[in-house]
């Protein structure tokens, strides 16, 4: 399918965000933030949106934002990790996704402001993601949620964190996860160029050079750390007994093939997996809620997937 007209228009203009690596990480972080929060919050009905902090694994406060849907609980519970190549992003940059998914899934969503590289390289972000998930499971009742209906989700680098949490929870014997929602997360260090990485090396939006830069800032020892399943979930020794996975990818995305390969790996390990490629879309398209119809489709599809598997978790509990 042709590139969506809105993204065609953007591709024909000078980039709003400079190529990664041409400015410092803090400068890039600030530009991404300004670009992402220039619009008012995505308008969906929610009962509450609250900021809080919890103790982080490094002894520093870990900021969270909770989104509570309207209605009567206990609600399902989603722990969400934002994208941004592990070096940009915060609770505001993907606020629109968090609001939309909490509303569409009828779930309490906990968004995590994990530590960013290069100031806090791997494994700081995965450790924060794990700490937040443990906290959410332990405090589910306090939040008005049902710990038996717990899922993780993320976009881009946040999807890699979510996949890592799923592996870690399985290997640690809990908390039990009912689903994982992974929007265009490569889940693998790009040591081999896939067809999509070659076809879309110059974008639109995400360039292969951007991806290489993000990894270079995230890993301090790529030769060794790229094989760690928390950095590259694709390289885990086993993918059996992981929670059902929804894999959402964009047609025009250098990371598309790696994300879909991870979905295929899960399916081959008998993990219930749904892979959805959104035609005409680019990396990061779900953040375009309210402007791109495909973004809403991706939220609704993930919410339907969550509804199916979180309901299944409730049925298991009853039995």
C-alpha atoms as a PDB file:
ATOM      1  CA  UNK A   1       0.000   0.000   0.000  1.00  0.00           C
ATOM      2  CA  UNK A   2       1.293   3.545  -0.664  1.00  0.00           C
ATOM      3  CA  UNK A   3       2.665   5.531   2.231  1.00  0.00           C
ATOM      4  CA  UNK A   4      -0.144   7.318   4.068  1.00  0.00           C
ATOM      5  CA  UNK A   5      -0.613  10.855   2.625  1.00  0.00           C
ATOM      6  CA  UNK A   6       0.155  12.500   5.972  1.00  0.00           C
ATOM      7  CA  UNK A   7       3.468  10.691   6.178  1.00  0.00           C
ATOM      8  CA  UNK A   8       4.172  11.444   2.508  1.00  0.00           C
ATOM      9  CA  UNK A   9       3.772  15.112   3.359  1.00  0.00           C
ATOM     10  CA  UNK A  10       6.139  14.823   6.323  1.00  0.00           C
ATOM     11  CA  UNK A  11       8.700  12.924   4.262  1.00  0.00           C
ATOM     12  CA  UNK A  12       8.775  15.737   1.712  1.00  0.00           C
ATOM     13  CA  UNK A  13       9.642  18.354   4.347  1.00  0.00           C
ATOM     14  CA  UNK A  14      12.825  18.960   6.353  1.00  0.00           C
ATOM     15  CA  UNK A  15      12.691  16.610   9.374  1.00  0.00           C
ATOM     16  CA  UNK A  16      11.173  18.119  12.501  1.00  0.00           C
ATOM     17  CA  UNK A  17      13.561  16.019  14.589  1.00  0.00           C
ATOM     18  CA  UNK A  18      17.242  15.983  13.549  1.00  0.00           C
ATOM     19  CA  UNK A  19      18.846  12.634  12.717  1.00  0.00           C
ATOM     20  CA  UNK A  20      20.006  10.857  15.856  1.00  0.00           C
ATOM     21  CA  UNK A  21      23.698  11.330  16.472  1.00  0.00           C
ATOM     22  CA  UNK A  22      23.872  14.800  14.923  1.00  0.00           C
ATOM     23  CA  UNK A  23      23.133  16.422  18.281  1.00  0.00           C
ATOM     24  CA  UNK A  24      23.656  15.282  21.864  1.00  0.00           C
ATOM     25  CA  UNK A  25      21.244  12.873  23.512  1.00  0.00           C
ATOM     26  CA  UNK A  26      19.932  15.533  25.954  1.00  0.00           C
ATOM     27  CA  UNK A  27      19.307  17.919  23.039  1.00  0.00           C
ATOM     28  CA  UNK A  28      17.512  15.211  21.070  1.00  0.00           C
ATOM     29  CA  UNK A  29      15.495  14.321  24.161  1.00  0.00           C
ATOM     30  CA  UNK A  30      14.286  17.905  24.572  1.00  0.00           C
ATOM     31  CA  UNK A  31      13.345  18.280  20.887  1.00  0.00           C
ATOM     32  CA  UNK A  32      11.423  14.998  20.912  1.00  0.00           C
ATOM     33  CA  UNK A  33       9.597  16.090  24.032  1.00  0.00           C
ATOM     34  CA  UNK A  34       8.616  19.483  22.600  1.00  0.00           C
ATOM     35  CA  UNK A  35       7.451  17.852  19.368  1.00  0.00           C
ATOM     36  CA  UNK A  36       5.447  15.170  21.198  1.00  0.00           C
ATOM     37  CA  UNK A  37       3.594  17.385  23.685  1.00  0.00           C
ATOM     38  CA  UNK A  38       2.662  20.241  21.374  1.00  0.00           C
ATOM     39  CA  UNK A  39      -0.982  19.110  21.294  1.00  0.00           C
ATOM     40  CA  UNK A  40      -3.478  18.952  24.137  1.00  0.00           C
ATOM     41  CA  UNK A  41      -3.998  15.522  25.779  1.00  0.00           C
ATOM     42  CA  UNK A  42      -5.832  12.926  23.709  1.00  0.00           C
ATOM     43  CA  UNK A  43      -9.514  13.266  24.508  1.00  0.00           C
ATOM     44  CA  UNK A  44     -11.017  10.072  25.889  1.00  0.00           C
ATOM     45  CA  UNK A  45     -13.117   9.726  29.055  1.00  0.00           C
ATOM     46  CA  UNK A  46     -11.123   8.544  32.071  1.00  0.00           C
ATOM     47  CA  UNK A  47     -11.960   8.641  35.758  1.00  0.00           C
ATOM     48  CA  UNK A  48      -8.492   9.688  36.957  1.00  0.00           C
ATOM     49  CA  UNK A  49      -4.945  10.355  35.832  1.00  0.00           C
ATOM     50  CA  UNK A  50      -2.440  10.507  38.679  1.00  0.00           C
ATOM     51  CA  UNK A  51       1.325  10.850  39.010  1.00  0.00           C
ATOM     52  CA  UNK A  52       3.276   9.138  41.766  1.00  0.00           C
ATOM     53  CA  UNK A  53       6.708   7.745  42.533  1.00  0.00           C
ATOM     54  CA  UNK A  54       7.818   4.381  43.863  1.00  0.00           C
ATOM     55  CA  UNK A  55      11.241   3.245  45.096  1.00  0.00           C
ATOM     56  CA  UNK A  56      13.419   2.421  42.109  1.00  0.00           C
ATOM     57  CA  UNK A  57      15.951  -0.427  41.930  1.00  0.00           C
ATOM     58  CA  UNK A  58      18.882   2.015  42.158  1.00  0.00           C
ATOM     59  CA  UNK A  59      17.556   3.692  45.294  1.00  0.00           C
ATOM     60  CA  UNK A  60      16.128   6.648  43.372  1.00  0.00           C
ATOM     61  CA  UNK A  61      12.418   7.458  42.956  1.00  0.00           C
ATOM     62  CA  UNK A  62      10.830   5.880  39.882  1.00  0.00           C
ATOM     63  CA  UNK A  63       8.021   8.072  38.453  1.00  0.00           C
ATOM     64  CA  UNK A  64       4.790   6.443  37.329  1.00  0.00           C
ATOM     65  CA  UNK A  65       1.506   7.716  35.938  1.00  0.00           C
ATOM     66  CA  UNK A  66      -1.710   5.775  36.475  1.00  0.00           C
ATOM     67  CA  UNK A  67      -4.754   6.008  34.210  1.00  0.00           C
ATOM     68  CA  UNK A  68      -8.051   4.743  35.608  1.00  0.00           C
ATOM     69  CA  UNK A  69     -11.027   4.135  33.291  1.00  0.00           C
ATOM     70  CA  UNK A  70     -14.575   5.045  34.094  1.00  0.00           C
ATOM     71  CA  UNK A  71     -16.797   2.387  35.633  1.00  0.00           C
ATOM     72  CA  UNK A  72     -16.582  -0.050  38.502  1.00  0.00           C
ATOM     73  CA  UNK A  73     -13.522  -2.152  39.231  1.00  0.00           C
ATOM     74  CA  UNK A  74     -11.597  -4.178  39.842  1.00  0.00           C
ATOM     75  CA  UNK A  75     -10.163  -3.504  36.387  1.00  0.00           C
ATOM     76  CA  UNK A  76      -7.531  -5.306  34.358  1.00  0.00           C
ATOM     77  CA  UNK A  77      -4.044  -3.877  34.833  1.00  0.00           C
ATOM     78  CA  UNK A  78      -1.526  -2.888  32.123  1.00  0.00           C
ATOM     79  CA  UNK A  79       2.055  -1.797  32.775  1.00  0.00           C
ATOM     80  CA  UNK A  80       3.211   0.401  29.887  1.00  0.00           C
ATOM     81  CA  UNK A  81       6.705   1.370  28.701  1.00  0.00           C
ATOM     82  CA  UNK A  82       7.165   4.291  26.314  1.00  0.00           C
ATOM     83  CA  UNK A  83       9.374   4.273  23.229  1.00  0.00           C
ATOM     84  CA  UNK A  84      12.196   6.598  22.301  1.00  0.00           C
ATOM     85  CA  UNK A  85      15.220   4.429  21.611  1.00  0.00           C
ATOM     86  CA  UNK A  86      15.977   4.166  25.344  1.00  0.00           C
ATOM     87  CA  UNK A  87      17.384   7.729  25.208  1.00  0.00           C
ATOM     88  CA  UNK A  88      14.254   9.880  24.718  1.00  0.00           C
ATOM     89  CA  UNK A  89      10.659   9.818  25.929  1.00  0.00           C
ATOM     90  CA  UNK A  90       8.870  10.224  29.241  1.00  0.00           C
ATOM     91  CA  UNK A  91       5.405  10.083  30.777  1.00  0.00           C
ATOM     92  CA  UNK A  92       4.183  12.882  28.495  1.00  0.00           C
ATOM     93  CA  UNK A  93       5.565  11.853  25.094  1.00  0.00           C
ATOM     94  CA  UNK A  94       3.348   8.759  24.845  1.00  0.00           C
ATOM     95  CA  UNK A  95       0.560  10.021  27.059  1.00  0.00           C
ATOM     96  CA  UNK A  96      -1.822   9.740  24.105  1.00  0.00           C
ATOM     97  CA  UNK A  97      -1.183   6.001  23.731  1.00  0.00           C
ATOM     98  CA  UNK A  98      -1.563   5.428  27.463  1.00  0.00           C
ATOM     99  CA  UNK A  99      -4.879   7.285  27.582  1.00  0.00           C
ATOM    100  CA  UNK A 100      -6.252   5.562  24.498  1.00  0.00           C
ATOM    101  CA  UNK A 101      -5.263   2.050  25.583  1.00  0.00           C
ATOM    102  CA  UNK A 102      -6.560   2.481  29.142  1.00  0.00           C
ATOM    103  CA  UNK A 103      -9.906   3.650  27.780  1.00  0.00           C
ATOM    104  CA  UNK A 104     -10.226   1.118  24.943  1.00  0.00           C
ATOM    105  CA  UNK A 105      -9.198  -1.838  27.118  1.00  0.00           C
ATOM    106  CA  UNK A 106     -11.165  -0.664  30.166  1.00  0.00           C
ATOM    107  CA  UNK A 107      -8.008  -1.175  32.187  1.00  0.00           C
ATOM    108  CA  UNK A 108      -5.929   0.664  34.735  1.00  0.00           C
ATOM    109  CA  UNK A 109      -2.686   1.516  32.992  1.00  0.00           C
ATOM    110  CA  UNK A 110       0.567   2.235  34.806  1.00  0.00           C
ATOM    111  CA  UNK A 111       3.005   4.161  32.601  1.00  0.00           C
ATOM    112  CA  UNK A 112       6.660   3.967  33.645  1.00  0.00           C
ATOM    113  CA  UNK A 113       9.219   6.786  33.412  1.00  0.00           C
ATOM    114  CA  UNK A 114      12.255   4.483  33.367  1.00  0.00           C
ATOM    115  CA  UNK A 115      15.835   5.759  33.412  1.00  0.00           C
ATOM    116  CA  UNK A 116      17.314   6.758  30.059  1.00  0.00           C
ATOM    117  CA  UNK A 117      20.658   6.179  28.367  1.00  0.00           C
ATOM    118  CA  UNK A 118      23.385   7.208  27.926  1.00  0.00           C
ATOM    119  CA  UNK A 119      23.320   8.541  31.496  1.00  0.00           C
ATOM    120  CA  UNK A 120      21.768   5.248  32.618  1.00  0.00           C
ATOM    121  CA  UNK A 121      22.736   2.541  30.123  1.00  0.00           C
ATOM    122  CA  UNK A 122      21.557  -1.079  29.960  1.00  0.00           C
ATOM    123  CA  UNK A 123      20.352  -2.709  32.174  1.00  0.00           C
ATOM    124  CA  UNK A 124      18.904   0.335  33.978  1.00  0.00           C
ATOM    125  CA  UNK A 125      15.755   0.507  31.825  1.00  0.00           C
ATOM    126  CA  UNK A 126      14.948  -3.232  32.064  1.00  0.00           C
ATOM    127  CA  UNK A 127      15.539  -3.133  35.821  1.00  0.00           C
ATOM    128  CA  UNK A 128      13.149  -0.184  36.195  1.00  0.00           C
ATOM    129  CA  UNK A 129      10.578  -1.948  34.003  1.00  0.00           C
ATOM    130  CA  UNK A 130      10.792  -5.045  36.178  1.00  0.00           C
ATOM    131  CA  UNK A 131      10.571  -3.055  39.416  1.00  0.00           C
ATOM    132  CA  UNK A 132       7.472  -1.216  38.181  1.00  0.00           C
ATOM    133  CA  UNK A 133       5.796  -4.469  37.137  1.00  0.00           C
ATOM    134  CA  UNK A 134       6.471  -6.071  40.523  1.00  0.00           C
ATOM    135  CA  UNK A 135       5.097  -2.961  42.253  1.00  0.00           C
ATOM    136  CA  UNK A 136       1.970  -2.894  40.079  1.00  0.00           C
ATOM    137  CA  UNK A 137       1.236  -6.560  40.741  1.00  0.00           C
ATOM    138  CA  UNK A 138       1.741  -6.136  44.484  1.00  0.00           C
ATOM    139  CA  UNK A 139      -0.375  -2.949  44.674  1.00  0.00           C
ATOM    140  CA  UNK A 140      -3.093  -3.956  42.205  1.00  0.00           C
ATOM    141  CA  UNK A 141      -5.885  -3.980  44.782  1.00  0.00           C
ATOM    142  CA  UNK A 142      -4.825  -0.553  46.037  1.00  0.00           C
ATOM    143  CA  UNK A 143      -5.067   0.733  42.449  1.00  0.00           C
ATOM    144  CA  UNK A 144      -8.504  -0.825  41.959  1.00  0.00           C
ATOM    145  CA  UNK A 145      -7.162  -3.547  39.669  1.00  0.00           C
ATOM    146  CA  UNK A 146      -7.235  -7.323  39.512  1.00  0.00           C
ATOM    147  CA  UNK A 147      -3.717  -8.822  39.733  1.00  0.00           C
ATOM    148  CA  UNK A 148      -4.965 -11.961  37.967  1.00  0.00           C
ATOM    149  CA  UNK A 149      -5.532  -9.844  34.834  1.00  0.00           C
ATOM    150  CA  UNK A 150      -2.095  -8.299  34.391  1.00  0.00           C
ATOM    151  CA  UNK A 151      -0.480  -7.393  31.047  1.00  0.00           C
ATOM    152  CA  UNK A 152       2.585  -5.512  29.852  1.00  0.00           C
ATOM    153  CA  UNK A 153       2.752  -3.255  26.808  1.00  0.00           C
ATOM    154  CA  UNK A 154       5.065  -0.863  25.051  1.00  0.00           C
ATOM    155  CA  UNK A 155       5.938   0.873  21.818  1.00  0.00           C
ATOM    156  CA  UNK A 156       9.294   0.638  20.019  1.00  0.00           C
ATOM    157  CA  UNK A 157      12.070   0.387  22.628  1.00  0.00           C
ATOM    158  CA  UNK A 158       9.311   0.173  25.229  1.00  0.00           C
ATOM    159  CA  UNK A 159       8.025  -2.952  23.487  1.00  0.00           C
ATOM    160  CA  UNK A 160      11.480  -4.492  23.883  1.00  0.00           C
ATOM    161  CA  UNK A 161      11.273  -3.709  27.601  1.00  0.00           C
ATOM    162  CA  UNK A 162       7.799  -5.284  27.794  1.00  0.00           C
ATOM    163  CA  UNK A 163       9.035  -8.438  26.057  1.00  0.00           C
ATOM    164  CA  UNK A 164      11.955  -8.567  28.485  1.00  0.00           C
ATOM    165  CA  UNK A 165       9.597  -8.288  31.453  1.00  0.00           C
ATOM    166  CA  UNK A 166       7.574 -11.202  30.065  1.00  0.00           C
ATOM    167  CA  UNK A 167      10.723 -13.349  29.876  1.00  0.00           C
ATOM    168  CA  UNK A 168      11.816 -12.301  33.346  1.00  0.00           C
ATOM    169  CA  UNK A 169       8.403 -12.983  34.892  1.00  0.00           C
ATOM    170  CA  UNK A 170       8.318 -16.453  33.371  1.00  0.00           C
ATOM    171  CA  UNK A 171      11.811 -17.294  34.606  1.00  0.00           C
ATOM    172  CA  UNK A 172      11.165 -15.848  38.084  1.00  0.00           C
ATOM    173  CA  UNK A 173       7.889 -17.733  38.490  1.00  0.00           C
ATOM    174  CA  UNK A 174       5.753 -14.586  38.451  1.00  0.00           C
ATOM    175  CA  UNK A 175       4.033 -12.262  38.495  1.00  0.00           C
ATOM    176  CA  UNK A 176       1.747 -14.101  36.095  1.00  0.00           C
ATOM    177  CA  UNK A 177       1.118 -12.121  32.920  1.00  0.00           C
ATOM    178  CA  UNK A 178      -1.973 -12.667  30.796  1.00  0.00           C
ATOM    179  CA  UNK A 179      -0.789 -10.785  27.685  1.00  0.00           C
ATOM    180  CA  UNK A 180       1.936  -8.638  26.133  1.00  0.00           C
ATOM    181  CA  UNK A 181       1.268  -5.843  23.629  1.00  0.00           C
ATOM    182  CA  UNK A 182       4.307  -5.021  21.492  1.00  0.00           C
ATOM    183  CA  UNK A 183       4.082  -2.143  19.025  1.00  0.00           C
ATOM    184  CA  UNK A 184       6.958  -2.152  16.505  1.00  0.00           C
ATOM    185  CA  UNK A 185       9.622  -3.342  18.923  1.00  0.00           C
ATOM    186  CA  UNK A 186      12.526  -5.008  17.120  1.00  0.00           C
ATOM    187  CA  UNK A 187      13.261  -7.336  20.066  1.00  0.00           C
ATOM    188  CA  UNK A 188      16.674  -8.030  18.561  1.00  0.00           C
ATOM    189  CA  UNK A 189      19.977  -6.219  18.222  1.00  0.00           C
ATOM    190  CA  UNK A 190      20.383  -5.338  14.498  1.00  0.00           C
ATOM    191  CA  UNK A 191      23.481  -7.434  13.831  1.00  0.00           C
ATOM    192  CA  UNK A 192      21.885  -8.764  10.632  1.00  0.00           C
ATOM    193  CA  UNK A 193      20.209  -6.398   8.155  1.00  0.00           C
ATOM    194  CA  UNK A 194      16.703  -7.602   7.307  1.00  0.00           C
ATOM    195  CA  UNK A 195      14.932  -6.746   4.029  1.00  0.00           C
ATOM    196  CA  UNK A 196      12.909  -4.009   5.741  1.00  0.00           C
ATOM    197  CA  UNK A 197      16.072  -2.558   7.341  1.00  0.00           C
ATOM    198  CA  UNK A 198      17.595  -2.286   3.870  1.00  0.00           C
ATOM    199  CA  UNK A 199      14.440  -1.084   2.103  1.00  0.00           C
ATOM    200  CA  UNK A 200      13.721   1.683   4.634  1.00  0.00           C
ATOM    201  CA  UNK A 201      17.284   2.531   5.662  1.00  0.00           C
ATOM    202  CA  UNK A 202      16.522   6.212   4.933  1.00  0.00           C
ATOM    203  CA  UNK A 203      13.090   6.190   6.525  1.00  0.00           C
ATOM    204  CA  UNK A 204      10.546   7.666   6.319  1.00  0.00           C
ATOM    205  CA  UNK A 205      10.656   8.935   9.928  1.00  0.00           C
ATOM    206  CA  UNK A 206      12.982   6.304  11.436  1.00  0.00           C
ATOM    207  CA  UNK A 207      16.316   5.778   9.690  1.00  0.00           C
ATOM    208  CA  UNK A 208      18.578   2.803  10.132  1.00  0.00           C
ATOM    209  CA  UNK A 209      21.308   5.187  11.299  1.00  0.00           C
ATOM    210  CA  UNK A 210      18.936   6.379  14.055  1.00  0.00           C
ATOM    211  CA  UNK A 211      18.488   2.798  15.210  1.00  0.00           C
ATOM    212  CA  UNK A 212      22.236   2.187  15.227  1.00  0.00           C
ATOM    213  CA  UNK A 213      22.759   5.342  17.298  1.00  0.00           C
ATOM    214  CA  UNK A 214      20.123   4.385  19.860  1.00  0.00           C
ATOM    215  CA  UNK A 215      21.717   0.985  20.404  1.00  0.00           C
ATOM    216  CA  UNK A 216      25.183   2.570  20.670  1.00  0.00           C
ATOM    217  CA  UNK A 217      23.946   4.796  23.499  1.00  0.00           C
ATOM    218  CA  UNK A 218      22.027   2.012  25.250  1.00  0.00           C
ATOM    219  CA  UNK A 219      24.609  -0.787  25.332  1.00  0.00           C
ATOM    220  CA  UNK A 220      28.070  -0.151  26.755  1.00  0.00           C
ATOM    221  CA  UNK A 221      29.419  -3.504  25.523  1.00  0.00           C
ATOM    222  CA  UNK A 222      27.416  -4.393  22.403  1.00  0.00           C
ATOM    223  CA  UNK A 223      29.498  -7.458  21.498  1.00  0.00           C
ATOM    224  CA  UNK A 224      28.432  -9.093  24.755  1.00  0.00           C
ATOM    225  CA  UNK A 225      25.201  -7.364  25.766  1.00  0.00           C
ATOM    226  CA  UNK A 226      23.434  -7.821  22.421  1.00  0.00           C
ATOM    227  CA  UNK A 227      23.004 -11.488  23.372  1.00  0.00           C
ATOM    228  CA  UNK A 228      21.328 -10.735  26.701  1.00  0.00           C
ATOM    229  CA  UNK A 229      17.608 -11.615  26.385  1.00  0.00           C
ATOM    230  CA  UNK A 230      16.674  -8.408  28.219  1.00  0.00           C
ATOM    231  CA  UNK A 231      18.292  -6.466  25.364  1.00  0.00           C
ATOM    232  CA  UNK A 232      17.389  -8.919  22.576  1.00  0.00           C
ATOM    233  CA  UNK A 233      14.376 -11.032  23.626  1.00  0.00           C
ATOM    234  CA  UNK A 234      14.680 -12.874  20.303  1.00  0.00           C
ATOM    235  CA  UNK A 235      17.896 -14.448  21.629  1.00  0.00           C
ATOM    236  CA  UNK A 236      16.374 -16.035  24.729  1.00  0.00           C
ATOM    237  CA  UNK A 237      17.180 -19.734  25.049  1.00  0.00           C
ATOM    238  CA  UNK A 238      13.470 -20.565  25.078  1.00  0.00           C
ATOM    239  CA  UNK A 239      10.261 -18.720  24.216  1.00  0.00           C
ATOM    240  CA  UNK A 240       7.898 -21.329  25.600  1.00  0.00           C
ATOM    241  CA  UNK A 241       5.296 -20.526  28.237  1.00  0.00           C
ATOM    242  CA  UNK A 242       5.313 -16.791  27.567  1.00  0.00           C
ATOM    243  CA  UNK A 243       2.067 -14.774  27.719  1.00  0.00           C
ATOM    244  CA  UNK A 244      -0.040 -14.323  24.572  1.00  0.00           C
ATOM    245  CA  UNK A 245       1.433 -11.622  22.367  1.00  0.00           C
ATOM    246  CA  UNK A 246      -0.005  -8.958  20.100  1.00  0.00           C
ATOM    247  CA  UNK A 247       2.636  -7.722  17.632  1.00  0.00           C
ATOM    248  CA  UNK A 248       1.732  -4.501  15.797  1.00  0.00           C
ATOM    249  CA  UNK A 249       4.096  -3.412  13.010  1.00  0.00           C
ATOM    250  CA  UNK A 250       4.270  -0.642  10.413  1.00  0.00           C
ATOM    251  CA  UNK A 251       4.728  -1.343   6.708  1.00  0.00           C
ATOM    252  CA  UNK A 252       7.346   1.401   6.160  1.00  0.00           C
ATOM    253  CA  UNK A 253       9.649   0.661   9.082  1.00  0.00           C
ATOM    254  CA  UNK A 254      13.249  -0.603   9.120  1.00  0.00           C
ATOM    255  CA  UNK A 255      12.493  -2.562  12.315  1.00  0.00           C
ATOM    256  CA  UNK A 256       9.375  -4.214  10.838  1.00  0.00           C
ATOM    257  CA  UNK A 257      10.919  -7.569   9.945  1.00  0.00           C
ATOM    258  CA  UNK A 258      12.683  -8.044  13.281  1.00  0.00           C
ATOM    259  CA  UNK A 259       9.422  -7.337  15.124  1.00  0.00           C
ATOM    260  CA  UNK A 260       7.509  -9.813  12.977  1.00  0.00           C
ATOM    261  CA  UNK A 261      10.265 -12.426  13.286  1.00  0.00           C
ATOM    262  CA  UNK A 262       9.882 -12.199  17.055  1.00  0.00           C
ATOM    263  CA  UNK A 263       6.165 -12.807  16.669  1.00  0.00           C
ATOM    264  CA  UNK A 264       6.875 -15.835  14.508  1.00  0.00           C
ATOM    265  CA  UNK A 265       9.351 -17.114  17.093  1.00  0.00           C
ATOM    266  CA  UNK A 266       6.691 -16.852  19.785  1.00  0.00           C
ATOM    267  CA  UNK A 267       4.122 -18.624  17.619  1.00  0.00           C
ATOM    268  CA  UNK A 268       6.585 -21.441  16.883  1.00  0.00           C
ATOM    269  CA  UNK A 269       6.995 -21.839  20.651  1.00  0.00           C
ATOM    270  CA  UNK A 270       3.187 -22.333  20.914  1.00  0.00           C
ATOM    271  CA  UNK A 271       2.591 -18.882  22.378  1.00  0.00           C
ATOM    272  CA  UNK A 272      -0.795 -17.529  21.186  1.00  0.00           C
ATOM    273  CA  UNK A 273       0.355 -14.700  18.915  1.00  0.00           C
ATOM    274  CA  UNK A 274      -1.346 -12.177  16.666  1.00  0.00           C
ATOM    275  CA  UNK A 275       0.822 -10.261  14.202  1.00  0.00           C
ATOM    276  CA  UNK A 276      -0.779  -7.212  12.580  1.00  0.00           C
ATOM    277  CA  UNK A 277       1.052  -5.193   9.943  1.00  0.00           C
ATOM    278  CA  UNK A 278      -0.552  -1.788   9.376  1.00  0.00           C
ATOM    279  CA  UNK A 279      -0.339  -0.754   5.709  1.00  0.00           C
ATOM    280  CA  UNK A 280       0.941   2.688   4.796  1.00  0.00           C
ATOM    281  CA  UNK A 281       2.177   3.288   8.340  1.00  0.00           C
ATOM    282  CA  UNK A 282       5.619   4.279   9.632  1.00  0.00           C
ATOM    283  CA  UNK A 283       7.507   3.591  12.848  1.00  0.00           C
ATOM    284  CA  UNK A 284       5.848   5.446  15.704  1.00  0.00           C
ATOM    285  CA  UNK A 285       2.470   5.767  13.985  1.00  0.00           C
ATOM    286  CA  UNK A 286       0.425   4.864  17.072  1.00  0.00           C
ATOM    287  CA  UNK A 287       1.493   8.187  18.593  1.00  0.00           C
ATOM    288  CA  UNK A 288      -0.493   9.906  15.816  1.00  0.00           C
ATOM    289  CA  UNK A 289      -3.828   9.235  17.486  1.00  0.00           C
ATOM    290  CA  UNK A 290      -6.435  11.738  16.360  1.00  0.00           C
ATOM    291  CA  UNK A 291      -4.591  12.429  13.106  1.00  0.00           C
ATOM    292  CA  UNK A 292      -4.007   8.997  11.522  1.00  0.00           C
ATOM    293  CA  UNK A 293      -6.828   6.462  11.370  1.00  0.00           C
ATOM    294  CA  UNK A 294      -4.386   3.549  11.495  1.00  0.00           C
ATOM    295  CA  UNK A 295      -3.324   4.609  14.980  1.00  0.00           C
ATOM    296  CA  UNK A 296      -6.818   4.132  16.340  1.00  0.00           C
ATOM    297  CA  UNK A 297      -7.055   0.775  14.566  1.00  0.00           C
ATOM    298  CA  UNK A 298      -3.887  -0.360  16.334  1.00  0.00           C
ATOM    299  CA  UNK A 299      -5.294   0.644  19.725  1.00  0.00           C
ATOM    300  CA  UNK A 300      -8.636  -1.050  19.072  1.00  0.00           C
ATOM    301  CA  UNK A 301      -6.977  -4.242  17.820  1.00  0.00           C
ATOM    302  CA  UNK A 302      -4.744  -4.435  20.881  1.00  0.00           C
ATOM    303  CA  UNK A 303      -7.705  -3.744  23.173  1.00  0.00           C
ATOM    304  CA  UNK A 304      -9.675  -6.567  21.550  1.00  0.00           C
ATOM    305  CA  UNK A 305      -6.712  -8.895  22.025  1.00  0.00           C
ATOM    306  CA  UNK A 306      -6.424  -7.853  25.660  1.00  0.00           C
ATOM    307  CA  UNK A 307     -10.135  -8.331  26.185  1.00  0.00           C
ATOM    308  CA  UNK A 308      -9.919 -11.893  24.908  1.00  0.00           C
ATOM    309  CA  UNK A 309      -6.902 -12.942  26.963  1.00  0.00           C
ATOM    310  CA  UNK A 310      -7.668 -11.016  30.125  1.00  0.00           C
ATOM    311  CA  UNK A 311     -11.143 -12.527  30.120  1.00  0.00           C
ATOM    312  CA  UNK A 312      -9.514 -15.935  29.731  1.00  0.00           C
ATOM    313  CA  UNK A 313      -7.429 -15.199  32.832  1.00  0.00           C
ATOM    314  CA  UNK A 314     -10.615 -14.477  34.779  1.00  0.00           C
ATOM    315  CA  UNK A 315     -12.159 -17.749  33.604  1.00  0.00           C
ATOM    316  CA  UNK A 316      -9.041 -19.648  34.721  1.00  0.00           C
ATOM    317  CA  UNK A 317      -9.293 -18.036  38.153  1.00  0.00           C
ATOM    318  CA  UNK A 318     -12.940 -19.106  38.462  1.00  0.00           C
ATOM    319  CA  UNK A 319     -12.091 -22.695  37.554  1.00  0.00           C
END
